Amino acid sequence: MTALVRPADGRMIGGVCAALARRFGTSATTMRVIFVLSCLLPGPQFLLYIALWVLLPKEGAKAKTAW
């Protein structure tokens, strides 16, 4: 598995689905379909996406840790 960072290429909005796809070895399209289908279920999926967008570092950015 690779590091969980938002890639500079292959991103649509924030790069969260592309980062998760790269991390778990699937295609970004598959991850996006899974995300859209999960939004049909009740839960905080959209808020989680926003949180990951804010918290995940960009690829190539200087690594900073919160702790």
PDB file of N, CA and C in Angstrom:
ATOM      1  N   MET A   1       0.831  -1.179   0.000  1.00  0.00           N
ATOM      2  CA  MET A   1       0.000   0.000   0.000  1.00  0.00           C
ATOM      3  C   MET A   1       0.882   1.250   0.000  1.00  0.00           C
ATOM      4  N   THR A   2       0.387   2.257  -0.671  1.00  0.00           N
ATOM      5  CA  THR A   2       1.118   3.517  -0.745  1.00  0.00           C
ATOM      6  C   THR A   2       0.620   4.481   0.329  1.00  0.00           C
ATOM      7  N   ALA A   3       1.319   5.572   0.457  1.00  0.00           N
ATOM      8  CA  ALA A   3       0.920   6.590   1.436  1.00  0.00           C
ATOM      9  C   ALA A   3      -0.409   7.213   1.019  1.00  0.00           C
ATOM     10  N   LEU A   4      -1.160   7.646   1.989  1.00  0.00           N
ATOM     11  CA  LEU A   4      -2.462   8.242   1.730  1.00  0.00           C
ATOM     12  C   LEU A   4      -2.303   9.744   1.531  1.00  0.00           C
ATOM     13  N   VAL A   5      -2.078  10.134   0.275  1.00  0.00           N
ATOM     14  CA  VAL A   5      -1.936  11.543  -0.115  1.00  0.00           C
ATOM     15  C   VAL A   5      -2.816  11.792  -1.330  1.00  0.00           C
ATOM     16  N   ARG A   6      -3.293  13.023  -1.469  1.00  0.00           N
ATOM     17  CA  ARG A   6      -4.117  13.386  -2.619  1.00  0.00           C
ATOM     18  C   ARG A   6      -3.214  13.591  -3.830  1.00  0.00           C
ATOM     19  N   PRO A   7      -3.396  12.792  -4.889  1.00  0.00           N
ATOM     20  CA  PRO A   7      -2.503  12.894  -6.050  1.00  0.00           C
ATOM     21  C   PRO A   7      -2.729  14.168  -6.847  1.00  0.00           C
ATOM     22  N   ALA A   8      -1.699  14.583  -7.543  1.00  0.00           N
ATOM     23  CA  ALA A   8      -1.794  15.763  -8.396  1.00  0.00           C
ATOM     24  C   ALA A   8      -2.484  15.429  -9.715  1.00  0.00           C
ATOM     25  N   ASP A   9      -2.389  14.179 -10.146  1.00  0.00           N
ATOM     26  CA  ASP A   9      -3.029  13.764 -11.392  1.00  0.00           C
ATOM     27  C   ASP A   9      -4.140  12.767 -11.089  1.00  0.00           C
ATOM     28  N   GLY A  10      -5.139  12.711 -11.955  1.00  0.00           N
ATOM     29  CA  GLY A  10      -6.230  11.763 -11.799  1.00  0.00           C
ATOM     30  C   GLY A  10      -7.295  12.195 -10.808  1.00  0.00           C
ATOM     31  N   ARG A  11      -7.302  13.472 -10.433  1.00  0.00           N
ATOM     32  CA  ARG A  11      -8.296  13.927  -9.484  1.00  0.00           C
ATOM     33  C   ARG A  11      -9.417  14.656 -10.192  1.00  0.00           C
ATOM     34  N   MET A  12     -10.595  14.585  -9.620  1.00  0.00           N
ATOM     35  CA  MET A  12     -11.748  15.273 -10.206  1.00  0.00           C
ATOM     36  C   MET A  12     -12.086  16.520  -9.404  1.00  0.00           C
ATOM     37  N   ILE A  13     -12.381  16.351  -8.133  1.00  0.00           N
ATOM     38  CA  ILE A  13     -12.735  17.503  -7.297  1.00  0.00           C
ATOM     39  C   ILE A  13     -11.608  17.748  -6.301  1.00  0.00           C
ATOM     40  N   GLY A  14     -11.528  16.900  -5.302  1.00  0.00           N
ATOM     41  CA  GLY A  14     -10.509  17.106  -4.285  1.00  0.00           C
ATOM     42  C   GLY A  14      -9.400  16.077  -4.302  1.00  0.00           C
ATOM     43  N   GLY A  15      -9.586  15.009  -5.047  1.00  0.00           N
ATOM     44  CA  GLY A  15      -8.580  13.963  -5.104  1.00  0.00           C
ATOM     45  C   GLY A  15      -8.709  12.906  -4.028  1.00  0.00           C
ATOM     46  N   VAL A  16      -9.785  12.958  -3.250  1.00  0.00           N
ATOM     47  CA  VAL A  16      -9.960  12.010  -2.151  1.00  0.00           C
ATOM     48  C   VAL A  16     -10.202  10.601  -2.685  1.00  0.00           C
ATOM     49  N   CYS A  17     -11.094  10.454  -3.641  1.00  0.00           N
ATOM     50  CA  CYS A  17     -11.375   9.122  -4.198  1.00  0.00           C
ATOM     51  C   CYS A  17     -10.142   8.562  -4.918  1.00  0.00           C
ATOM     52  N   ALA A  18      -9.406   9.404  -5.606  1.00  0.00           N
ATOM     53  CA  ALA A  18      -8.184   8.957  -6.276  1.00  0.00           C
ATOM     54  C   ALA A  18      -7.141   8.517  -5.251  1.00  0.00           C
ATOM     55  N   ALA A  19      -7.050   9.222  -4.133  1.00  0.00           N
ATOM     56  CA  ALA A  19      -6.104   8.850  -3.076  1.00  0.00           C
ATOM     57  C   ALA A  19      -6.485   7.516  -2.452  1.00  0.00           C
ATOM     58  N   LEU A  20      -7.775   7.329  -2.170  1.00  0.00           N
ATOM     59  CA  LEU A  20      -8.226   6.063  -1.590  1.00  0.00           C
ATOM     60  C   LEU A  20      -8.047   4.908  -2.574  1.00  0.00           C
ATOM     61  N   ALA A  21      -8.308   5.169  -3.859  1.00  0.00           N
ATOM     62  CA  ALA A  21      -8.132   4.130  -4.875  1.00  0.00           C
ATOM     63  C   ALA A  21      -6.672   3.719  -4.983  1.00  0.00           C
ATOM     64  N   ARG A  22      -5.780   4.692  -4.972  1.00  0.00           N
ATOM     65  CA  ARG A  22      -4.348   4.395  -5.040  1.00  0.00           C
ATOM     66  C   ARG A  22      -3.902   3.617  -3.805  1.00  0.00           C
ATOM     67  N   ARG A  23      -4.435   3.986  -2.653  1.00  0.00           N
ATOM     68  CA  ARG A  23      -4.062   3.332  -1.395  1.00  0.00           C
ATOM     69  C   ARG A  23      -4.484   1.863  -1.372  1.00  0.00           C
ATOM     70  N   PHE A  24      -5.708   1.585  -1.858  1.00  0.00           N
ATOM     71  CA  PHE A  24      -6.241   0.226  -1.788  1.00  0.00           C
ATOM     72  C   PHE A  24      -6.100  -0.560  -3.081  1.00  0.00           C
ATOM     73  N   GLY A  25      -5.435   0.005  -4.095  1.00  0.00           N
ATOM     74  CA  GLY A  25      -5.119  -0.732  -5.311  1.00  0.00           C
ATOM     75  C   GLY A  25      -6.287  -0.944  -6.260  1.00  0.00           C
ATOM     76  N   THR A  26      -7.245  -0.019  -6.283  1.00  0.00           N
ATOM     77  CA  THR A  26      -8.355  -0.104  -7.229  1.00  0.00           C
ATOM     78  C   THR A  26      -8.285   1.093  -8.168  1.00  0.00           C
ATOM     79  N   SER A  27      -9.189   1.120  -9.131  1.00  0.00           N
ATOM     80  CA  SER A  27      -9.214   2.275 -10.030  1.00  0.00           C
ATOM     81  C   SER A  27      -9.980   3.417  -9.378  1.00  0.00           C
ATOM     82  N   ALA A  28      -9.664   4.627  -9.802  1.00  0.00           N
ATOM     83  CA  ALA A  28     -10.339   5.800  -9.250  1.00  0.00           C
ATOM     84  C   ALA A  28     -11.817   5.800  -9.625  1.00  0.00           C
ATOM     85  N   THR A  29     -12.139   5.302 -10.806  1.00  0.00           N
ATOM     86  CA  THR A  29     -13.537   5.242 -11.231  1.00  0.00           C
ATOM     87  C   THR A  29     -14.339   4.325 -10.318  1.00  0.00           C
ATOM     88  N   THR A  30     -13.771   3.185  -9.976  1.00  0.00           N
ATOM     89  CA  THR A  30     -14.447   2.255  -9.066  1.00  0.00           C
ATOM     90  C   THR A  30     -14.693   2.911  -7.713  1.00  0.00           C
ATOM     91  N   MET A  31     -13.710   3.609  -7.205  1.00  0.00           N
ATOM     92  CA  MET A  31     -13.857   4.272  -5.910  1.00  0.00           C
ATOM     93  C   MET A  31     -14.912   5.363  -5.982  1.00  0.00           C
ATOM     94  N   ARG A  32     -14.978   6.089  -7.088  1.00  0.00           N
ATOM     95  CA  ARG A  32     -15.990   7.134  -7.238  1.00  0.00           C
ATOM     96  C   ARG A  32     -17.389   6.553  -7.299  1.00  0.00           C
ATOM     97  N   VAL A  33     -17.547   5.430  -7.996  1.00  0.00           N
ATOM     98  CA  VAL A  33     -18.852   4.770  -8.065  1.00  0.00           C
ATOM     99  C   VAL A  33     -19.268   4.286  -6.680  1.00  0.00           C
ATOM    100  N   ILE A  34     -18.334   3.712  -5.940  1.00  0.00           N
ATOM    101  CA  ILE A  34     -18.633   3.259  -4.580  1.00  0.00           C
ATOM    102  C   ILE A  34     -19.058   4.442  -3.710  1.00  0.00           C
ATOM    103  N   PHE A  35     -18.365   5.564  -3.845  1.00  0.00           N
ATOM    104  CA  PHE A  35     -18.719   6.746  -3.056  1.00  0.00           C
ATOM    105  C   PHE A  35     -20.109   7.255  -3.400  1.00  0.00           C
ATOM    106  N   VAL A  36     -20.419   7.357  -4.695  1.00  0.00           N
ATOM    107  CA  VAL A  36     -21.739   7.859  -5.111  1.00  0.00           C
ATOM    108  C   VAL A  36     -22.836   6.913  -4.637  1.00  0.00           C
ATOM    109  N   LEU A  37     -22.613   5.615  -4.746  1.00  0.00           N
ATOM    110  CA  LEU A  37     -23.610   4.660  -4.267  1.00  0.00           C
ATOM    111  C   LEU A  37     -23.762   4.733  -2.750  1.00  0.00           C
ATOM    112  N   SER A  38     -22.675   4.969  -2.046  1.00  0.00           N
ATOM    113  CA  SER A  38     -22.769   5.063  -0.588  1.00  0.00           C
ATOM    114  C   SER A  38     -23.530   6.317  -0.158  1.00  0.00           C
ATOM    115  N   CYS A  39     -23.551   7.341  -1.006  1.00  0.00           N
ATOM    116  CA  CYS A  39     -24.300   8.563  -0.676  1.00  0.00           C
ATOM    117  C   CYS A  39     -25.811   8.320  -0.700  1.00  0.00           C
ATOM    118  N   LEU A  40     -26.245   7.228  -1.319  1.00  0.00           N
ATOM    119  CA  LEU A  40     -27.661   6.883  -1.310  1.00  0.00           C
ATOM    120  C   LEU A  40     -28.095   6.349   0.050  1.00  0.00           C
ATOM    121  N   LEU A  41     -27.153   5.897   0.847  1.00  0.00           N
ATOM    122  CA  LEU A  41     -27.434   5.392   2.180  1.00  0.00           C
ATOM    123  C   LEU A  41     -27.366   6.536   3.185  1.00  0.00           C
ATOM    124  N   PRO A  42     -28.099   6.420   4.279  1.00  0.00           N
ATOM    125  CA  PRO A  42     -27.997   7.476   5.295  1.00  0.00           C
ATOM    126  C   PRO A  42     -26.643   7.437   5.990  1.00  0.00           C
ATOM    127  N   GLY A  43     -26.111   8.604   6.280  1.00  0.00           N
ATOM    128  CA  GLY A  43     -24.827   8.669   6.964  1.00  0.00           C
ATOM    129  C   GLY A  43     -24.058   9.913   6.578  1.00  0.00           C
ATOM    130  N   PRO A  44     -22.902  10.085   7.173  1.00  0.00           N
ATOM    131  CA  PRO A  44     -22.117  11.311   6.973  1.00  0.00           C
ATOM    132  C   PRO A  44     -21.066  11.201   5.858  1.00  0.00           C
ATOM    133  N   GLN A  45     -21.382  10.522   4.759  1.00  0.00           N
ATOM    134  CA  GLN A  45     -20.395  10.302   3.706  1.00  0.00           C
ATOM    135  C   GLN A  45     -19.861  11.603   3.135  1.00  0.00           C
ATOM    136  N   PHE A  46     -20.732  12.554   2.870  1.00  0.00           N
ATOM    137  CA  PHE A  46     -20.292  13.808   2.268  1.00  0.00           C
ATOM    138  C   PHE A  46     -19.411  14.591   3.245  1.00  0.00           C
ATOM    139  N   LEU A  47     -19.770  14.581   4.514  1.00  0.00           N
ATOM    140  CA  LEU A  47     -18.948  15.267   5.518  1.00  0.00           C
ATOM    141  C   LEU A  47     -17.588  14.598   5.664  1.00  0.00           C
ATOM    142  N   LEU A  48     -17.555  13.273   5.564  1.00  0.00           N
ATOM    143  CA  LEU A  48     -16.293  12.543   5.625  1.00  0.00           C
ATOM    144  C   LEU A  48     -15.411  12.897   4.430  1.00  0.00           C
ATOM    145  N   TYR A  49     -16.016  13.036   3.255  1.00  0.00           N
ATOM    146  CA  TYR A  49     -15.257  13.432   2.066  1.00  0.00           C
ATOM    147  C   TYR A  49     -14.618  14.806   2.276  1.00  0.00           C
ATOM    148  N   ILE A  50     -15.399  15.753   2.787  1.00  0.00           N
ATOM    149  CA  ILE A  50     -14.890  17.103   3.039  1.00  0.00           C
ATOM    150  C   ILE A  50     -13.762  17.063   4.065  1.00  0.00           C
ATOM    151  N   ALA A  51     -13.935  16.262   5.118  1.00  0.00           N
ATOM    152  CA  ALA A  51     -12.898  16.158   6.152  1.00  0.00           C
ATOM    153  C   ALA A  51     -11.613  15.569   5.580  1.00  0.00           C
ATOM    154  N   LEU A  52     -11.725  14.539   4.753  1.00  0.00           N
ATOM    155  CA  LEU A  52     -10.535  13.944   4.143  1.00  0.00           C
ATOM    156  C   LEU A  52      -9.878  14.921   3.166  1.00  0.00           C
ATOM    157  N   TRP A  53     -10.669  15.704   2.476  1.00  0.00           N
ATOM    158  CA  TRP A  53     -10.143  16.702   1.551  1.00  0.00           C
ATOM    159  C   TRP A  53      -9.272  17.710   2.310  1.00  0.00           C
ATOM    160  N   VAL A  54      -9.724  18.083   3.490  1.00  0.00           N
ATOM    161  CA  VAL A  54      -8.986  19.055   4.294  1.00  0.00           C
ATOM    162  C   VAL A  54      -7.767  18.415   4.959  1.00  0.00           C
ATOM    163  N   LEU A  55      -7.915  17.182   5.452  1.00  0.00           N
ATOM    164  CA  LEU A  55      -6.864  16.563   6.261  1.00  0.00           C
ATOM    165  C   LEU A  55      -5.764  15.862   5.471  1.00  0.00           C
ATOM    166  N   LEU A  56      -6.085  15.313   4.302  1.00  0.00           N
ATOM    167  CA  LEU A  56      -5.069  14.595   3.523  1.00  0.00           C
ATOM    168  C   LEU A  56      -4.118  15.587   2.861  1.00  0.00           C
ATOM    169  N   PRO A  57      -2.828  15.342   2.968  1.00  0.00           N
ATOM    170  CA  PRO A  57      -1.874  16.254   2.322  1.00  0.00           C
ATOM    171  C   PRO A  57      -1.845  16.043   0.806  1.00  0.00           C
ATOM    172  N   LYS A  58      -1.459  17.089   0.092  1.00  0.00           N
ATOM    173  CA  LYS A  58      -1.292  16.973  -1.357  1.00  0.00           C
ATOM    174  C   LYS A  58      -0.027  16.194  -1.653  1.00  0.00           C
ATOM    175  N   GLU A  59      -0.029  15.491  -2.764  1.00  0.00           N
ATOM    176  CA  GLU A  59       1.155  14.756  -3.191  1.00  0.00           C
ATOM    177  C   GLU A  59       2.257  15.752  -3.529  1.00  0.00           C
ATOM    178  N   GLY A  60       3.436  15.500  -3.037  1.00  0.00           N
ATOM    179  CA  GLY A  60       4.561  16.370  -3.308  1.00  0.00           C
ATOM    180  C   GLY A  60       4.687  17.525  -2.328  1.00  0.00           C
ATOM    181  N   ALA A  61       3.676  17.730  -1.504  1.00  0.00           N
ATOM    182  CA  ALA A  61       3.759  18.800  -0.505  1.00  0.00           C
ATOM    183  C   ALA A  61       4.674  18.353   0.632  1.00  0.00           C
ATOM    184  N   LYS A  62       5.262  19.314   1.276  1.00  0.00           N
ATOM    185  CA  LYS A  62       6.129  19.001   2.406  1.00  0.00           C
ATOM    186  C   LYS A  62       5.293  18.346   3.502  1.00  0.00           C
ATOM    187  N   ALA A  63       5.719  17.182   3.952  1.00  0.00           N
ATOM    188  CA  ALA A  63       4.954  16.421   4.936  1.00  0.00           C
ATOM    189  C   ALA A  63       4.986  17.102   6.300  1.00  0.00           C
ATOM    190  N   LYS A  64       3.800  17.323   6.837  1.00  0.00           N
ATOM    191  CA  LYS A  64       3.669  17.864   8.179  1.00  0.00           C
ATOM    192  C   LYS A  64       2.753  16.924   8.952  1.00  0.00           C
ATOM    193  N   THR A  65       3.080  16.650  10.155  1.00  0.00           N
ATOM    194  CA  THR A  65       2.219  15.821  10.981  1.00  0.00           C
ATOM    195  C   THR A  65       1.540  16.689  12.022  1.00  0.00           C
ATOM    196  N   ALA A  66       0.370  16.257  12.420  1.00  0.00           N
ATOM    197  CA  ALA A  66      -0.394  17.021  13.398  1.00  0.00           C
ATOM    198  C   ALA A  66       0.078  16.747  14.818  1.00  0.00           C
ATOM    199  N   TRP A  67       0.882  15.716  14.994  1.00  0.00           N
ATOM    200  CA  TRP A  67       1.330  15.391  16.346  1.00  0.00           C
ATOM    201  C   TRP A  67       2.815  15.270  16.425  1.00  0.00           C
TER     202      TRP A  67
END
